[in-house]
Amino acid sequence: MEKLNLNSLTKEQIALASKCQTPEELIELAKKAGVELTKEEAQAYLDELENMELDKETLDKVAGGDGTTRTINAKLYG
């Protein structure tokens, strides 16, 4: 089995990996692809995926705010 090369993963592989909830699930997925992964590596990768994933709502808030500040300012300053 080969070691995991994060730069060689396809979007489909990343999507499948992001569905894994535990390192053990990710290790099993990797084995099916012929990749050797330790529990520590699997956990680190899951942590990285979690940090990378922002849902649309979060992205909208970061990009343009959620309107809360404007609403508060409008009430305070008319």
N, C-alpha and C. Protein backbone atom coordinates (compact mmCIF):
# COMPACT_ATOMS: atom_id res chain seq x y z
N MET A 1 0.84 -1.19 0.00
CA MET A 1 0.00 0.00 0.00
C MET A 1 0.88 1.24 0.00
N GLU A 2 0.37 2.30 -0.60
CA GLU A 2 1.13 3.54 -0.66
C GLU A 2 0.66 4.51 0.43
N LYS A 3 1.48 5.51 0.70
CA LYS A 3 1.13 6.55 1.68
C LYS A 3 0.22 7.57 1.02
N LEU A 4 -0.56 8.25 1.83
CA LEU A 4 -1.50 9.26 1.35
C LEU A 4 -0.75 10.50 0.87
N ASN A 5 -1.07 10.94 -0.34
CA ASN A 5 -0.53 12.18 -0.88
C ASN A 5 -1.73 13.13 -1.05
N LEU A 6 -1.86 14.09 -0.14
CA LEU A 6 -3.02 14.98 -0.16
C LEU A 6 -3.14 15.76 -1.46
N ASN A 7 -2.03 16.04 -2.11
CA ASN A 7 -2.06 16.81 -3.35
C ASN A 7 -2.61 16.02 -4.53
N SER A 8 -2.68 14.70 -4.39
CA SER A 8 -3.15 13.88 -5.50
C SER A 8 -4.62 13.48 -5.39
N LEU A 9 -5.30 13.94 -4.34
CA LEU A 9 -6.69 13.56 -4.16
C LEU A 9 -7.60 14.28 -5.15
N THR A 10 -8.60 13.55 -5.64
CA THR A 10 -9.59 14.15 -6.53
C THR A 10 -10.71 14.77 -5.70
N LYS A 11 -11.53 15.58 -6.33
CA LYS A 11 -12.67 16.17 -5.64
C LYS A 11 -13.60 15.09 -5.10
N GLU A 12 -13.75 14.02 -5.87
CA GLU A 12 -14.61 12.92 -5.45
C GLU A 12 -14.05 12.24 -4.20
N GLN A 13 -12.75 12.04 -4.17
CA GLN A 13 -12.12 11.41 -3.01
C GLN A 13 -12.26 12.30 -1.77
N ILE A 14 -12.09 13.60 -1.96
CA ILE A 14 -12.24 14.53 -0.85
C ILE A 14 -13.68 14.52 -0.35
N ALA A 15 -14.64 14.48 -1.27
CA ALA A 15 -16.05 14.43 -0.89
C ALA A 15 -16.36 13.18 -0.08
N LEU A 16 -15.83 12.03 -0.52
CA LEU A 16 -16.04 10.79 0.22
C LEU A 16 -15.39 10.86 1.60
N ALA A 17 -14.18 11.39 1.65
CA ALA A 17 -13.46 11.49 2.92
C ALA A 17 -14.18 12.42 3.88
N SER A 18 -14.78 13.48 3.36
CA SER A 18 -15.46 14.44 4.23
C SER A 18 -16.71 13.85 4.86
N LYS A 19 -17.21 12.74 4.33
CA LYS A 19 -18.37 12.07 4.91
C LYS A 19 -18.00 11.16 6.07
N CYS A 20 -16.73 10.87 6.22
CA CYS A 20 -16.26 10.02 7.30
C CYS A 20 -16.38 10.77 8.63
N GLN A 21 -16.90 10.08 9.63
CA GLN A 21 -17.08 10.69 10.94
C GLN A 21 -15.96 10.34 11.92
N THR A 22 -15.25 9.25 11.65
CA THR A 22 -14.21 8.80 12.56
C THR A 22 -12.94 8.47 11.77
N PRO A 23 -11.81 8.46 12.48
CA PRO A 23 -10.57 8.06 11.80
C PRO A 23 -10.68 6.63 11.24
N GLU A 24 -11.37 5.76 11.96
CA GLU A 24 -11.51 4.38 11.51
C GLU A 24 -12.26 4.30 10.18
N GLU A 25 -13.29 5.11 10.02
CA GLU A 25 -14.02 5.15 8.75
C GLU A 25 -13.11 5.61 7.61
N LEU A 26 -12.31 6.62 7.89
CA LEU A 26 -11.40 7.14 6.87
C LEU A 26 -10.32 6.11 6.53
N ILE A 27 -9.84 5.39 7.53
CA ILE A 27 -8.83 4.35 7.30
C ILE A 27 -9.41 3.27 6.39
N GLU A 28 -10.65 2.86 6.62
CA GLU A 28 -11.29 1.85 5.77
C GLU A 28 -11.46 2.36 4.34
N LEU A 29 -11.87 3.60 4.19
CA LEU A 29 -12.01 4.20 2.87
C LEU A 29 -10.66 4.24 2.15
N ALA A 30 -9.63 4.62 2.87
CA ALA A 30 -8.29 4.68 2.29
C ALA A 30 -7.82 3.29 1.87
N LYS A 31 -8.09 2.28 2.70
CA LYS A 31 -7.69 0.91 2.36
C LYS A 31 -8.32 0.47 1.05
N LYS A 32 -9.58 0.81 0.84
CA LYS A 32 -10.27 0.44 -0.40
C LYS A 32 -9.59 1.07 -1.61
N ALA A 33 -8.94 2.22 -1.40
CA ALA A 33 -8.24 2.90 -2.49
C ALA A 33 -6.77 2.48 -2.56
N GLY A 34 -6.38 1.54 -1.67
CA GLY A 34 -5.01 1.06 -1.68
C GLY A 34 -4.02 1.99 -1.00
N VAL A 35 -4.53 2.79 -0.05
CA VAL A 35 -3.68 3.77 0.65
C VAL A 35 -3.59 3.39 2.12
N GLU A 36 -2.38 3.40 2.65
CA GLU A 36 -2.15 3.11 4.06
C GLU A 36 -2.25 4.41 4.86
N LEU A 37 -3.00 4.36 5.94
CA LEU A 37 -3.22 5.55 6.75
C LEU A 37 -3.22 5.15 8.22
N THR A 38 -2.44 5.84 9.05
CA THR A 38 -2.47 5.56 10.49
C THR A 38 -3.66 6.30 11.11
N LYS A 39 -3.99 5.91 12.32
CA LYS A 39 -5.10 6.57 13.01
C LYS A 39 -4.79 8.06 13.23
N GLU A 40 -3.54 8.35 13.54
CA GLU A 40 -3.14 9.75 13.76
C GLU A 40 -3.25 10.56 12.47
N GLU A 41 -2.81 9.97 11.37
CA GLU A 41 -2.91 10.65 10.07
C GLU A 41 -4.36 10.87 9.69
N ALA A 42 -5.19 9.86 9.94
CA ALA A 42 -6.61 9.96 9.61
C ALA A 42 -7.26 11.07 10.43
N GLN A 43 -6.95 11.14 11.71
CA GLN A 43 -7.53 12.18 12.56
C GLN A 43 -7.06 13.56 12.12
N ALA A 44 -5.79 13.69 11.80
CA ALA A 44 -5.27 14.98 11.34
C ALA A 44 -5.95 15.41 10.05
N TYR A 45 -6.16 14.46 9.14
CA TYR A 45 -6.82 14.79 7.88
C TYR A 45 -8.27 15.19 8.12
N LEU A 46 -8.98 14.47 9.01
CA LEU A 46 -10.36 14.83 9.32
C LEU A 46 -10.43 16.22 9.94
N ASP A 47 -9.48 16.53 10.81
CA ASP A 47 -9.43 17.86 11.42
C ASP A 47 -9.22 18.92 10.35
N GLU A 48 -8.34 18.64 9.40
CA GLU A 48 -8.08 19.58 8.31
C GLU A 48 -9.34 19.78 7.46
N LEU A 49 -10.02 18.68 7.16
CA LEU A 49 -11.25 18.79 6.38
C LEU A 49 -12.30 19.62 7.12
N GLU A 50 -12.41 19.39 8.42
CA GLU A 50 -13.39 20.12 9.22
C GLU A 50 -13.10 21.62 9.20
N ASN A 51 -11.84 21.97 9.27
CA ASN A 51 -11.46 23.38 9.25
C ASN A 51 -11.68 24.02 7.89
N MET A 52 -11.60 23.20 6.83
CA MET A 52 -11.77 23.72 5.48
C MET A 52 -13.24 23.90 5.10
N GLU A 53 -14.11 23.14 5.72
CA GLU A 53 -15.50 23.13 5.31
C GLU A 53 -16.26 24.28 5.96
N LEU A 54 -16.74 25.16 5.15
CA LEU A 54 -17.61 26.22 5.61
C LEU A 54 -18.89 26.13 4.80
N ASP A 55 -20.00 26.06 5.50
CA ASP A 55 -21.25 25.99 4.76
C ASP A 55 -21.58 27.34 4.15
N LYS A 56 -22.52 27.37 3.24
CA LYS A 56 -22.88 28.59 2.52
C LYS A 56 -23.27 29.72 3.47
N GLU A 57 -24.00 29.39 4.52
CA GLU A 57 -24.43 30.42 5.48
C GLU A 57 -23.22 31.08 6.13
N THR A 58 -22.26 30.29 6.53
CA THR A 58 -21.05 30.84 7.15
C THR A 58 -20.29 31.71 6.16
N LEU A 59 -20.15 31.23 4.93
CA LEU A 59 -19.46 32.02 3.91
C LEU A 59 -20.18 33.33 3.64
N ASP A 60 -21.52 33.31 3.60
CA ASP A 60 -22.28 34.53 3.39
C ASP A 60 -22.04 35.53 4.52
N LYS A 61 -21.98 35.02 5.75
CA LYS A 61 -21.74 35.91 6.89
C LYS A 61 -20.36 36.52 6.81
N VAL A 62 -19.38 35.72 6.43
CA VAL A 62 -18.01 36.22 6.33
C VAL A 62 -17.91 37.22 5.18
N ALA A 63 -18.53 36.90 4.07
CA ALA A 63 -18.42 37.74 2.88
C ALA A 63 -19.19 39.04 3.00
N GLY A 64 -20.41 38.98 3.51
CA GLY A 64 -21.22 40.19 3.50
C GLY A 64 -21.93 40.49 4.79
N GLY A 65 -21.66 39.75 5.82
CA GLY A 65 -22.35 39.94 7.08
C GLY A 65 -23.73 39.32 7.05
N ASP A 66 -24.32 39.18 8.21
CA ASP A 66 -25.64 38.56 8.29
C ASP A 66 -26.74 39.58 8.50
N GLY A 67 -26.41 40.85 8.44
CA GLY A 67 -27.41 41.89 8.59
C GLY A 67 -27.60 42.35 10.02
N THR A 68 -27.05 41.64 10.98
CA THR A 68 -27.24 41.98 12.39
C THR A 68 -26.67 43.34 12.71
N THR A 69 -25.47 43.62 12.26
CA THR A 69 -24.83 44.90 12.56
C THR A 69 -25.62 46.05 11.95
N ARG A 70 -26.05 45.86 10.70
CA ARG A 70 -26.81 46.93 10.06
C ARG A 70 -28.13 47.17 10.79
N THR A 71 -28.78 46.10 11.24
CA THR A 71 -30.05 46.23 11.94
C THR A 71 -29.85 46.95 13.26
N ILE A 72 -28.82 46.58 14.01
CA ILE A 72 -28.53 47.24 15.29
C ILE A 72 -28.19 48.69 15.06
N ASN A 73 -27.33 48.97 14.09
CA ASN A 73 -26.95 50.36 13.80
C ASN A 73 -28.15 51.18 13.39
N ALA A 74 -29.05 50.62 12.61
CA ALA A 74 -30.24 51.35 12.18
C ALA A 74 -31.12 51.70 13.37
N LYS A 75 -31.24 50.79 14.31
CA LYS A 75 -32.05 51.04 15.51
C LYS A 75 -31.40 52.07 16.40
N LEU A 76 -30.08 52.02 16.51
CA LEU A 76 -29.37 52.93 17.41
C LEU A 76 -29.22 54.34 16.80
N TYR A 77 -28.94 54.38 15.50
CA TYR A 77 -28.58 55.65 14.90
C TYR A 77 -29.60 56.15 13.89
N GLY A 78 -30.68 55.43 13.76
CA GLY A 78 -31.77 55.82 12.89
C GLY A 78 -31.41 55.79 11.47
